[in-house]
All heavy atoms as atom14 arrays in JSON, in Angstrom:
{
  "sequence": "EQYKKDTGDLQPEITIGTNSQYLDICEYIQRELEKIGIAVTIDV",
  "atom14_mask": [
    [1, 1, 1, 1, 1, 1, 1, 1, 1, 0, 0, 0, 0, 0],
    [1, 1, 1, 1, 1, 1, 1, 1, 1, 0, 0, 0, 0, 0],
    [1, 1, 1, 1, 1, 1, 1, 1, 1, 1, 1, 1, 0, 0],
    [1, 1, 1, 1, 1, 1, 1, 1, 1, 0, 0, 0, 0, 0],
    [1, 1, 1, 1, 1, 1, 1, 1, 1, 0, 0, 0, 0, 0],
    [1, 1, 1, 1, 1, 1, 1, 1, 0, 0, 0, 0, 0, 0],
    [1, 1, 1, 1, 1, 1, 1, 0, 0, 0, 0, 0, 0, 0],
    [1, 1, 1, 1, 0, 0, 0, 0, 0, 0, 0, 0, 0, 0],
    [1, 1, 1, 1, 1, 1, 1, 1, 0, 0, 0, 0, 0, 0],
    [1, 1, 1, 1, 1, 1, 1, 1, 0, 0, 0, 0, 0, 0],
    [1, 1, 1, 1, 1, 1, 1, 1, 1, 0, 0, 0, 0, 0],
    [1, 1, 1, 1, 1, 1, 1, 0, 0, 0, 0, 0, 0, 0],
    [1, 1, 1, 1, 1, 1, 1, 1, 1, 0, 0, 0, 0, 0],
    [1, 1, 1, 1, 1, 1, 1, 1, 0, 0, 0, 0, 0, 0],
    [1, 1, 1, 1, 1, 1, 1, 0, 0, 0, 0, 0, 0, 0],
    [1, 1, 1, 1, 1, 1, 1, 1, 0, 0, 0, 0, 0, 0],
    [1, 1, 1, 1, 0, 0, 0, 0, 0, 0, 0, 0, 0, 0],
    [1, 1, 1, 1, 1, 1, 1, 0, 0, 0, 0, 0, 0, 0],
    [1, 1, 1, 1, 1, 1, 1, 1, 0, 0, 0, 0, 0, 0],
    [1, 1, 1, 1, 1, 1, 0, 0, 0, 0, 0, 0, 0, 0],
    [1, 1, 1, 1, 1, 1, 1, 1, 1, 0, 0, 0, 0, 0],
    [1, 1, 1, 1, 1, 1, 1, 1, 1, 1, 1, 1, 0, 0],
    [1, 1, 1, 1, 1, 1, 1, 1, 0, 0, 0, 0, 0, 0],
    [1, 1, 1, 1, 1, 1, 1, 1, 0, 0, 0, 0, 0, 0],
    [1, 1, 1, 1, 1, 1, 1, 1, 0, 0, 0, 0, 0, 0],
    [1, 1, 1, 1, 1, 1, 0, 0, 0, 0, 0, 0, 0, 0],
    [1, 1, 1, 1, 1, 1, 1, 1, 1, 0, 0, 0, 0, 0],
    [1, 1, 1, 1, 1, 1, 1, 1, 1, 1, 1, 1, 0, 0],
    [1, 1, 1, 1, 1, 1, 1, 1, 0, 0, 0, 0, 0, 0],
    [1, 1, 1, 1, 1, 1, 1, 1, 1, 0, 0, 0, 0, 0],
    [1, 1, 1, 1, 1, 1, 1, 1, 1, 1, 1, 0, 0, 0],
    [1, 1, 1, 1, 1, 1, 1, 1, 1, 0, 0, 0, 0, 0],
    [1, 1, 1, 1, 1, 1, 1, 1, 0, 0, 0, 0, 0, 0],
    [1, 1, 1, 1, 1, 1, 1, 1, 1, 0, 0, 0, 0, 0],
    [1, 1, 1, 1, 1, 1, 1, 1, 1, 0, 0, 0, 0, 0],
    [1, 1, 1, 1, 1, 1, 1, 1, 0, 0, 0, 0, 0, 0],
    [1, 1, 1, 1, 0, 0, 0, 0, 0, 0, 0, 0, 0, 0],
    [1, 1, 1, 1, 1, 1, 1, 1, 0, 0, 0, 0, 0, 0],
    [1, 1, 1, 1, 1, 0, 0, 0, 0, 0, 0, 0, 0, 0],
    [1, 1, 1, 1, 1, 1, 1, 0, 0, 0, 0, 0, 0, 0],
    [1, 1, 1, 1, 1, 1, 1, 0, 0, 0, 0, 0, 0, 0],
    [1, 1, 1, 1, 1, 1, 1, 1, 0, 0, 0, 0, 0, 0],
    [1, 1, 1, 1, 1, 1, 1, 1, 0, 0, 0, 0, 0, 0],
    [1, 1, 1, 1, 1, 1, 1, 0, 0, 0, 0, 0, 0, 0]
  ],
  "atom14_positions": [
    [[91.61, 104.28, 112.09], [91.83, 105.02, 113.34], [91.07, 106.34, 113.32], [90.51, 106.76, 114.33], [93.34, 105.28, 113.55], [94.14, 104.03, 113.87], [93.56, 103.28, 115.07], [93.27, 103.93, 116.1], [93.37, 102.04, 114.96], [0.0, 0.0, 0.0], [0.0, 0.0, 0.0], [0.0, 0.0, 0.0], [0.0, 0.0, 0.0], [0.0, 0.0, 0.0]],
    [[91.04, 106.98, 112.15], [90.29, 108.22, 112.02], [88.8, 107.96, 112.21], [88.09, 108.74, 112.87], [90.53, 108.83, 110.63], [89.88, 110.18, 110.41], [90.43, 111.27, 111.33], [91.64, 111.39, 111.51], [89.53, 112.04, 111.97], [0.0, 0.0, 0.0], [0.0, 0.0, 0.0], [0.0, 0.0, 0.0], [0.0, 0.0, 0.0], [0.0, 0.0, 0.0]],
    [[88.31, 106.85, 111.63], [86.9, 106.48, 111.79], [86.57, 106.27, 113.28], [85.53, 106.76, 113.77], [86.59, 105.2, 111.0], [85.29, 104.55, 111.39], [84.08, 105.04, 110.91], [85.26, 103.47, 112.28], [82.87, 104.47, 111.29], [84.06, 102.89, 112.66], [82.87, 103.39, 112.16], [81.68, 102.83, 112.55], [0.0, 0.0, 0.0], [0.0, 0.0, 0.0]],
    [[87.42, 105.57, 114.0], [87.17, 105.3, 115.42], [87.14, 106.6, 116.22], [86.3, 106.79, 117.11], [88.26, 104.38, 115.98], [88.2, 102.95, 115.44], [89.35, 102.11, 116.0], [89.3, 100.68, 115.48], [90.44, 99.87, 115.98], [0.0, 0.0, 0.0], [0.0, 0.0, 0.0], [0.0, 0.0, 0.0], [0.0, 0.0, 0.0], [0.0, 0.0, 0.0]],
    [[88.05, 107.5, 115.88], [88.12, 108.78, 116.57], [86.87, 109.63, 116.29], [86.32, 110.27, 117.2], [89.37, 109.53, 116.11], [89.59, 110.87, 116.79], [90.88, 111.52, 116.29], [91.08, 112.89, 116.92], [92.33, 113.54, 116.4], [0.0, 0.0, 0.0], [0.0, 0.0, 0.0], [0.0, 0.0, 0.0], [0.0, 0.0, 0.0], [0.0, 0.0, 0.0]],
    [[86.41, 109.61, 115.04], [85.26, 110.43, 114.65], [83.95, 109.9, 115.22], [83.03, 110.68, 115.54], [85.15, 110.49, 113.12], [86.29, 111.28, 112.48], [86.96, 112.03, 113.21], [86.5, 111.11, 111.26], [0.0, 0.0, 0.0], [0.0, 0.0, 0.0], [0.0, 0.0, 0.0], [0.0, 0.0, 0.0], [0.0, 0.0, 0.0], [0.0, 0.0, 0.0]],
    [[83.83, 108.58, 115.32], [82.53, 107.99, 115.66], [82.48, 107.4, 117.07], [81.39, 107.17, 117.61], [82.17, 106.86, 114.68], [83.15, 105.8, 114.81], [82.15, 107.37, 113.25], [0.0, 0.0, 0.0], [0.0, 0.0, 0.0], [0.0, 0.0, 0.0], [0.0, 0.0, 0.0], [0.0, 0.0, 0.0], [0.0, 0.0, 0.0], [0.0, 0.0, 0.0]],
    [[83.63, 107.12, 117.65], [83.65, 106.45, 118.95], [83.4, 104.95, 118.84], [83.34, 104.23, 119.85], [0.0, 0.0, 0.0], [0.0, 0.0, 0.0], [0.0, 0.0, 0.0], [0.0, 0.0, 0.0], [0.0, 0.0, 0.0], [0.0, 0.0, 0.0], [0.0, 0.0, 0.0], [0.0, 0.0, 0.0], [0.0, 0.0, 0.0], [0.0, 0.0, 0.0]],
    [[83.25, 104.45, 117.62], [83.03, 103.02, 117.38], [84.4, 102.33, 117.32], [85.1, 102.42, 116.31], [82.27, 102.83, 116.06], [82.03, 101.37, 115.73], [82.3, 100.5, 116.58], [81.57, 101.09, 114.58], [0.0, 0.0, 0.0], [0.0, 0.0, 0.0], [0.0, 0.0, 0.0], [0.0, 0.0, 0.0], [0.0, 0.0, 0.0], [0.0, 0.0, 0.0]],
    [[84.76, 101.63, 118.39], [86.1, 101.04, 118.48], [86.17, 99.64, 117.89], [87.26, 99.07, 117.77], [86.55, 101.01, 119.94], [86.6, 102.38, 120.64], [87.09, 102.22, 122.08], [87.49, 103.35, 119.86], [0.0, 0.0, 0.0], [0.0, 0.0, 0.0], [0.0, 0.0, 0.0], [0.0, 0.0, 0.0], [0.0, 0.0, 0.0], [0.0, 0.0, 0.0]],
    [[85.03, 99.06, 117.55], [85.03, 97.71, 116.99], [84.14, 97.68, 115.72], [83.06, 97.11, 115.73], [84.53, 96.69, 118.01], [85.48, 96.53, 119.19], [84.97, 95.48, 120.17], [83.78, 95.45, 120.51], [85.87, 94.61, 120.62], [0.0, 0.0, 0.0], [0.0, 0.0, 0.0], [0.0, 0.0, 0.0], [0.0, 0.0, 0.0], [0.0, 0.0, 0.0]],
    [[84.6, 98.31, 114.66], [83.79, 98.34, 113.43], [83.6, 96.93, 112.86], [84.53, 96.12, 112.87], [84.61, 99.21, 112.48], [86.01, 99.17, 113.0], [85.89, 99.03, 114.48], [0.0, 0.0, 0.0], [0.0, 0.0, 0.0], [0.0, 0.0, 0.0], [0.0, 0.0, 0.0], [0.0, 0.0, 0.0], [0.0, 0.0, 0.0], [0.0, 0.0, 0.0]],
    [[82.38, 96.68, 112.4], [82.1, 95.38, 111.78], [81.12, 95.57, 110.63], [80.25, 96.44, 110.67], [81.56, 94.4, 112.81], [80.41, 94.92, 113.66], [80.03, 93.93, 114.76], [79.6, 92.81, 114.41], [80.18, 94.29, 115.93], [0.0, 0.0, 0.0], [0.0, 0.0, 0.0], [0.0, 0.0, 0.0], [0.0, 0.0, 0.0], [0.0, 0.0, 0.0]],
    [[81.28, 94.75, 109.61], [80.43, 94.84, 108.43], [80.0, 93.44, 108.0], [80.62, 92.45, 108.39], [81.15, 95.54, 107.25], [82.41, 94.76, 106.85], [81.47, 96.98, 107.58], [83.12, 95.31, 105.62], [0.0, 0.0, 0.0], [0.0, 0.0, 0.0], [0.0, 0.0, 0.0], [0.0, 0.0, 0.0], [0.0, 0.0, 0.0], [0.0, 0.0, 0.0]],
    [[78.95, 93.37, 107.2], [78.47, 92.1, 106.64], [78.4, 92.23, 105.13], [77.85, 93.21, 104.6], [77.08, 91.74, 107.2], [77.16, 91.62, 108.62], [76.58, 90.43, 106.6], [0.0, 0.0, 0.0], [0.0, 0.0, 0.0], [0.0, 0.0, 0.0], [0.0, 0.0, 0.0], [0.0, 0.0, 0.0], [0.0, 0.0, 0.0], [0.0, 0.0, 0.0]],
    [[78.96, 91.24, 104.43], [78.96, 91.22, 102.97], [78.02, 90.12, 102.48], [78.16, 88.96, 102.88], [80.37, 90.97, 102.41], [81.34, 92.06, 102.88], [80.34, 90.91, 100.87], [82.8, 91.8, 102.5], [0.0, 0.0, 0.0], [0.0, 0.0, 0.0], [0.0, 0.0, 0.0], [0.0, 0.0, 0.0], [0.0, 0.0, 0.0], [0.0, 0.0, 0.0]],
    [[77.08, 90.47, 101.62], [76.19, 89.49, 101.01], [76.74, 89.03, 99.67], [77.13, 89.85, 98.84], [0.0, 0.0, 0.0], [0.0, 0.0, 0.0], [0.0, 0.0, 0.0], [0.0, 0.0, 0.0], [0.0, 0.0, 0.0], [0.0, 0.0, 0.0], [0.0, 0.0, 0.0], [0.0, 0.0, 0.0], [0.0, 0.0, 0.0], [0.0, 0.0, 0.0]],
    [[76.8, 87.72, 99.46], [77.33, 87.17, 98.21], [76.69, 85.83, 97.91], [75.98, 85.26, 98.74], [78.87, 87.0, 98.29], [79.37, 86.59, 97.01], [79.26, 85.96, 99.33], [0.0, 0.0, 0.0], [0.0, 0.0, 0.0], [0.0, 0.0, 0.0], [0.0, 0.0, 0.0], [0.0, 0.0, 0.0], [0.0, 0.0, 0.0], [0.0, 0.0, 0.0]],
    [[76.94, 85.32, 96.7], [76.58, 83.94, 96.4], [77.83, 83.07, 96.46], [78.95, 83.58, 96.58], [75.86, 83.82, 95.05], [76.7, 84.35, 93.89], [77.93, 84.3, 93.92], [76.05, 84.85, 92.86], [0.0, 0.0, 0.0], [0.0, 0.0, 0.0], [0.0, 0.0, 0.0], [0.0, 0.0, 0.0], [0.0, 0.0, 0.0], [0.0, 0.0, 0.0]],
    [[77.67, 81.77, 96.35], [78.78, 80.84, 96.56], [79.87, 80.99, 95.5], [81.04, 80.69, 95.76], [78.28, 79.4, 96.58], [77.62, 79.08, 95.36], [0.0, 0.0, 0.0], [0.0, 0.0, 0.0], [0.0, 0.0, 0.0], [0.0, 0.0, 0.0], [0.0, 0.0, 0.0], [0.0, 0.0, 0.0], [0.0, 0.0, 0.0], [0.0, 0.0, 0.0]],
    [[79.53, 81.46, 94.3], [80.5, 81.57, 93.22], [81.63, 82.53, 93.55], [82.76, 82.36, 93.09], [79.8, 82.0, 91.93], [80.72, 82.0, 90.71], [80.0, 82.42, 89.44], [78.78, 82.6, 89.43], [80.73, 82.56, 88.35], [0.0, 0.0, 0.0], [0.0, 0.0, 0.0], [0.0, 0.0, 0.0], [0.0, 0.0, 0.0], [0.0, 0.0, 0.0]],
    [[81.34, 83.54, 94.38], [82.34, 84.55, 94.71], [82.77, 84.48, 96.18], [83.36, 85.42, 96.69], [81.79, 85.95, 94.39], [81.6, 86.18, 92.91], [80.42, 85.81, 92.27], [82.62, 86.73, 92.14], [80.26, 86.0, 90.9], [82.47, 86.92, 90.77], [81.28, 86.55, 90.16], [81.14, 86.74, 88.81], [0.0, 0.0, 0.0], [0.0, 0.0, 0.0]],
    [[82.48, 83.35, 96.8], [82.83, 83.2, 98.22], [84.33, 83.3, 98.43], [84.79, 83.9, 99.41], [82.3, 81.86, 98.74], [82.58, 81.56, 100.22], [81.99, 82.64, 101.12], [82.02, 80.18, 100.59], [0.0, 0.0, 0.0], [0.0, 0.0, 0.0], [0.0, 0.0, 0.0], [0.0, 0.0, 0.0], [0.0, 0.0, 0.0], [0.0, 0.0, 0.0]],
    [[85.13, 82.74, 97.52], [86.58, 82.77, 97.69], [87.1, 84.2, 97.72], [87.97, 84.55, 98.53], [87.28, 81.96, 96.6], [86.94, 82.4, 95.18], [85.96, 83.16, 95.0], [87.66, 81.98, 94.24], [0.0, 0.0, 0.0], [0.0, 0.0, 0.0], [0.0, 0.0, 0.0], [0.0, 0.0, 0.0], [0.0, 0.0, 0.0], [0.0, 0.0, 0.0]],
    [[86.56, 85.07, 96.86], [86.99, 86.47, 96.83], [86.57, 87.19, 98.11], [87.35, 87.94, 98.7], [86.43, 87.17, 95.58], [87.25, 86.77, 94.36], [86.42, 88.69, 95.74], [86.81, 87.37, 93.06], [0.0, 0.0, 0.0], [0.0, 0.0, 0.0], [0.0, 0.0, 0.0], [0.0, 0.0, 0.0], [0.0, 0.0, 0.0], [0.0, 0.0, 0.0]],
    [[85.34, 86.95, 98.54], [84.85, 87.61, 99.77], [85.62, 87.14, 100.99], [85.88, 87.93, 101.91], [83.35, 87.38, 99.94], [82.35, 88.24, 98.7], [0.0, 0.0, 0.0], [0.0, 0.0, 0.0], [0.0, 0.0, 0.0], [0.0, 0.0, 0.0], [0.0, 0.0, 0.0], [0.0, 0.0, 0.0], [0.0, 0.0, 0.0], [0.0, 0.0, 0.0]],
    [[86.0, 85.88, 101.03], [86.79, 85.37, 102.16], [88.19, 85.97, 102.16], [88.76, 86.25, 103.23], [86.87, 83.85, 102.1], [85.56, 83.16, 102.49], [85.63, 81.65, 102.42], [86.5, 81.12, 101.67], [84.83, 80.99, 103.09], [0.0, 0.0, 0.0], [0.0, 0.0, 0.0], [0.0, 0.0, 0.0], [0.0, 0.0, 0.0], [0.0, 0.0, 0.0]],
    [[88.76, 86.19, 100.98], [90.06, 86.85, 100.9], [89.96, 88.28, 101.44], [90.8, 88.72, 102.25], [90.55, 86.86, 99.45], [91.75, 87.75, 99.22], [92.99, 87.43, 99.75], [91.63, 88.94, 98.5], [94.1, 88.26, 99.57], [92.71, 89.77, 98.3], [93.94, 89.43, 98.83], [95.02, 90.25, 98.66], [0.0, 0.0, 0.0], [0.0, 0.0, 0.0]],
    [[88.95, 89.01, 101.03], [88.75, 90.38, 101.51], [88.5, 90.37, 103.01], [89.0, 91.24, 103.75], [87.59, 91.05, 100.75], [87.97, 91.24, 99.27], [87.22, 92.4, 101.37], [86.84, 91.69, 98.38], [0.0, 0.0, 0.0], [0.0, 0.0, 0.0], [0.0, 0.0, 0.0], [0.0, 0.0, 0.0], [0.0, 0.0, 0.0], [0.0, 0.0, 0.0]],
    [[87.75, 89.39, 103.49], [87.48, 89.25, 104.93], [88.78, 89.15, 105.72], [88.98, 89.85, 106.72], [86.63, 88.0, 105.17], [86.31, 87.72, 106.63], [85.6, 86.38, 106.81], [85.97, 85.38, 106.19], [84.55, 86.37, 107.61], [0.0, 0.0, 0.0], [0.0, 0.0, 0.0], [0.0, 0.0, 0.0], [0.0, 0.0, 0.0], [0.0, 0.0, 0.0]],
    [[89.7, 88.28, 105.26], [90.97, 88.11, 105.97], [91.79, 89.4, 105.97], [92.39, 89.77, 106.99], [91.78, 86.98, 105.31], [91.19, 85.6, 105.52], [92.17, 84.51, 105.11], [92.48, 84.55, 103.69], [91.8, 83.91, 102.75], [90.73, 83.2, 103.08], [92.17, 83.98, 101.48], [0.0, 0.0, 0.0], [0.0, 0.0, 0.0], [0.0, 0.0, 0.0]],
    [[91.8, 90.09, 104.82], [92.6, 91.31, 104.73], [92.01, 92.43, 105.59], [92.74, 93.21, 106.21], [92.7, 91.75, 103.26], [93.42, 90.77, 102.36], [94.82, 90.44, 102.85], [95.66, 91.36, 102.87], [95.07, 89.28, 103.24], [0.0, 0.0, 0.0], [0.0, 0.0, 0.0], [0.0, 0.0, 0.0], [0.0, 0.0, 0.0], [0.0, 0.0, 0.0]],
    [[90.69, 92.54, 105.64], [90.05, 93.58, 106.45], [90.26, 93.33, 107.94], [90.42, 94.28, 108.73], [88.55, 93.65, 106.13], [88.16, 94.29, 104.8], [86.66, 94.2, 104.58], [88.6, 95.74, 104.74], [0.0, 0.0, 0.0], [0.0, 0.0, 0.0], [0.0, 0.0, 0.0], [0.0, 0.0, 0.0], [0.0, 0.0, 0.0], [0.0, 0.0, 0.0]],
    [[90.24, 92.07, 108.33], [90.45, 91.77, 109.74], [91.86, 92.15, 110.19], [92.08, 92.46, 111.36], [90.14, 90.29, 110.0], [88.63, 90.03, 109.94], [88.25, 88.56, 110.09], [89.17, 87.7, 110.03], [87.04, 88.28, 110.25], [0.0, 0.0, 0.0], [0.0, 0.0, 0.0], [0.0, 0.0, 0.0], [0.0, 0.0, 0.0], [0.0, 0.0, 0.0]],
    [[92.81, 92.16, 109.26], [94.18, 92.58, 109.58], [94.25, 94.06, 109.93], [95.15, 94.48, 110.67], [95.11, 92.31, 108.4], [95.36, 90.83, 108.12], [96.23, 90.67, 106.88], [96.41, 89.21, 106.51], [97.21, 89.05, 105.27], [0.0, 0.0, 0.0], [0.0, 0.0, 0.0], [0.0, 0.0, 0.0], [0.0, 0.0, 0.0], [0.0, 0.0, 0.0]],
    [[93.32, 94.88, 109.41], [93.37, 96.31, 109.7], [92.32, 96.71, 110.74], [92.11, 97.89, 110.99], [93.18, 97.15, 108.41], [91.78, 96.94, 107.81], [94.27, 96.84, 107.4], [91.41, 97.97, 106.76], [0.0, 0.0, 0.0], [0.0, 0.0, 0.0], [0.0, 0.0, 0.0], [0.0, 0.0, 0.0], [0.0, 0.0, 0.0], [0.0, 0.0, 0.0]],
    [[91.62, 95.71, 111.3], [90.73, 96.01, 112.42], [89.25, 96.09, 112.09], [88.48, 96.66, 112.88], [0.0, 0.0, 0.0], [0.0, 0.0, 0.0], [0.0, 0.0, 0.0], [0.0, 0.0, 0.0], [0.0, 0.0, 0.0], [0.0, 0.0, 0.0], [0.0, 0.0, 0.0], [0.0, 0.0, 0.0], [0.0, 0.0, 0.0], [0.0, 0.0, 0.0]],
    [[88.82, 95.53, 110.97], [87.39, 95.49, 110.65], [86.92, 94.04, 110.69], [87.43, 93.19, 109.95], [87.09, 96.07, 109.25], [87.58, 97.52, 109.14], [85.6, 96.0, 108.94], [87.37, 98.14, 107.75], [0.0, 0.0, 0.0], [0.0, 0.0, 0.0], [0.0, 0.0, 0.0], [0.0, 0.0, 0.0], [0.0, 0.0, 0.0], [0.0, 0.0, 0.0]],
    [[85.97, 93.75, 111.56], [85.4, 92.41, 111.63], [84.4, 92.24, 110.48], [83.58, 93.13, 110.22], [84.71, 92.19, 112.97], [0.0, 0.0, 0.0], [0.0, 0.0, 0.0], [0.0, 0.0, 0.0], [0.0, 0.0, 0.0], [0.0, 0.0, 0.0], [0.0, 0.0, 0.0], [0.0, 0.0, 0.0], [0.0, 0.0, 0.0], [0.0, 0.0, 0.0]],
    [[84.45, 91.08, 109.81], [83.63, 90.86, 108.62], [82.84, 89.56, 108.75], [83.4, 88.51, 109.06], [84.49, 90.8, 107.34], [83.61, 90.56, 106.12], [85.28, 92.09, 107.17], [0.0, 0.0, 0.0], [0.0, 0.0, 0.0], [0.0, 0.0, 0.0], [0.0, 0.0, 0.0], [0.0, 0.0, 0.0], [0.0, 0.0, 0.0], [0.0, 0.0, 0.0]],
    [[81.54, 89.65, 108.51], [80.68, 88.48, 108.39], [80.28, 88.33, 106.94], [79.94, 89.31, 106.28], [79.41, 88.63, 109.26], [79.79, 88.8, 110.62], [78.51, 87.42, 109.13], [0.0, 0.0, 0.0], [0.0, 0.0, 0.0], [0.0, 0.0, 0.0], [0.0, 0.0, 0.0], [0.0, 0.0, 0.0], [0.0, 0.0, 0.0], [0.0, 0.0, 0.0]],
    [[80.34, 87.1, 106.43], [79.94, 86.84, 105.04], [78.62, 86.09, 105.05], [78.5, 85.03, 105.66], [81.01, 86.04, 104.28], [82.33, 86.82, 104.24], [80.54, 85.74, 102.86], [83.47, 86.06, 103.61], [0.0, 0.0, 0.0], [0.0, 0.0, 0.0], [0.0, 0.0, 0.0], [0.0, 0.0, 0.0], [0.0, 0.0, 0.0], [0.0, 0.0, 0.0]],
    [[77.64, 86.65, 104.39], [76.31, 86.05, 104.31], [76.14, 85.46, 102.92], [75.97, 86.19, 101.94], [75.25, 87.13, 104.58], [73.85, 86.55, 104.73], [73.71, 85.31, 104.64], [72.89, 87.33, 104.93], [0.0, 0.0, 0.0], [0.0, 0.0, 0.0], [0.0, 0.0, 0.0], [0.0, 0.0, 0.0], [0.0, 0.0, 0.0], [0.0, 0.0, 0.0]],
    [[76.24, 84.12, 102.83], [76.14, 83.43, 101.54], [74.69, 83.05, 101.27], [74.03, 82.48, 102.13], [77.03, 82.18, 101.51], [76.98, 81.51, 100.14], [78.47, 82.53, 101.86], [0.0, 0.0, 0.0], [0.0, 0.0, 0.0], [0.0, 0.0, 0.0], [0.0, 0.0, 0.0], [0.0, 0.0, 0.0], [0.0, 0.0, 0.0], [0.0, 0.0, 0.0]]
  ]
}
C-alpha cells in the first residue's frame, strides 16, 4: 500500500526468471505474492 501511494502504480507486477528445477518454489512464491496484490509472471 505504501508502494502504491508513493509511486501511483496501483497494479504492481514482476517477472521471475528460473529454470525448471526450481519452478515449484517460484510457483509457490507466485501464489503468495498474488495474495498481497503483486502479479507475478514466471519465465522458465
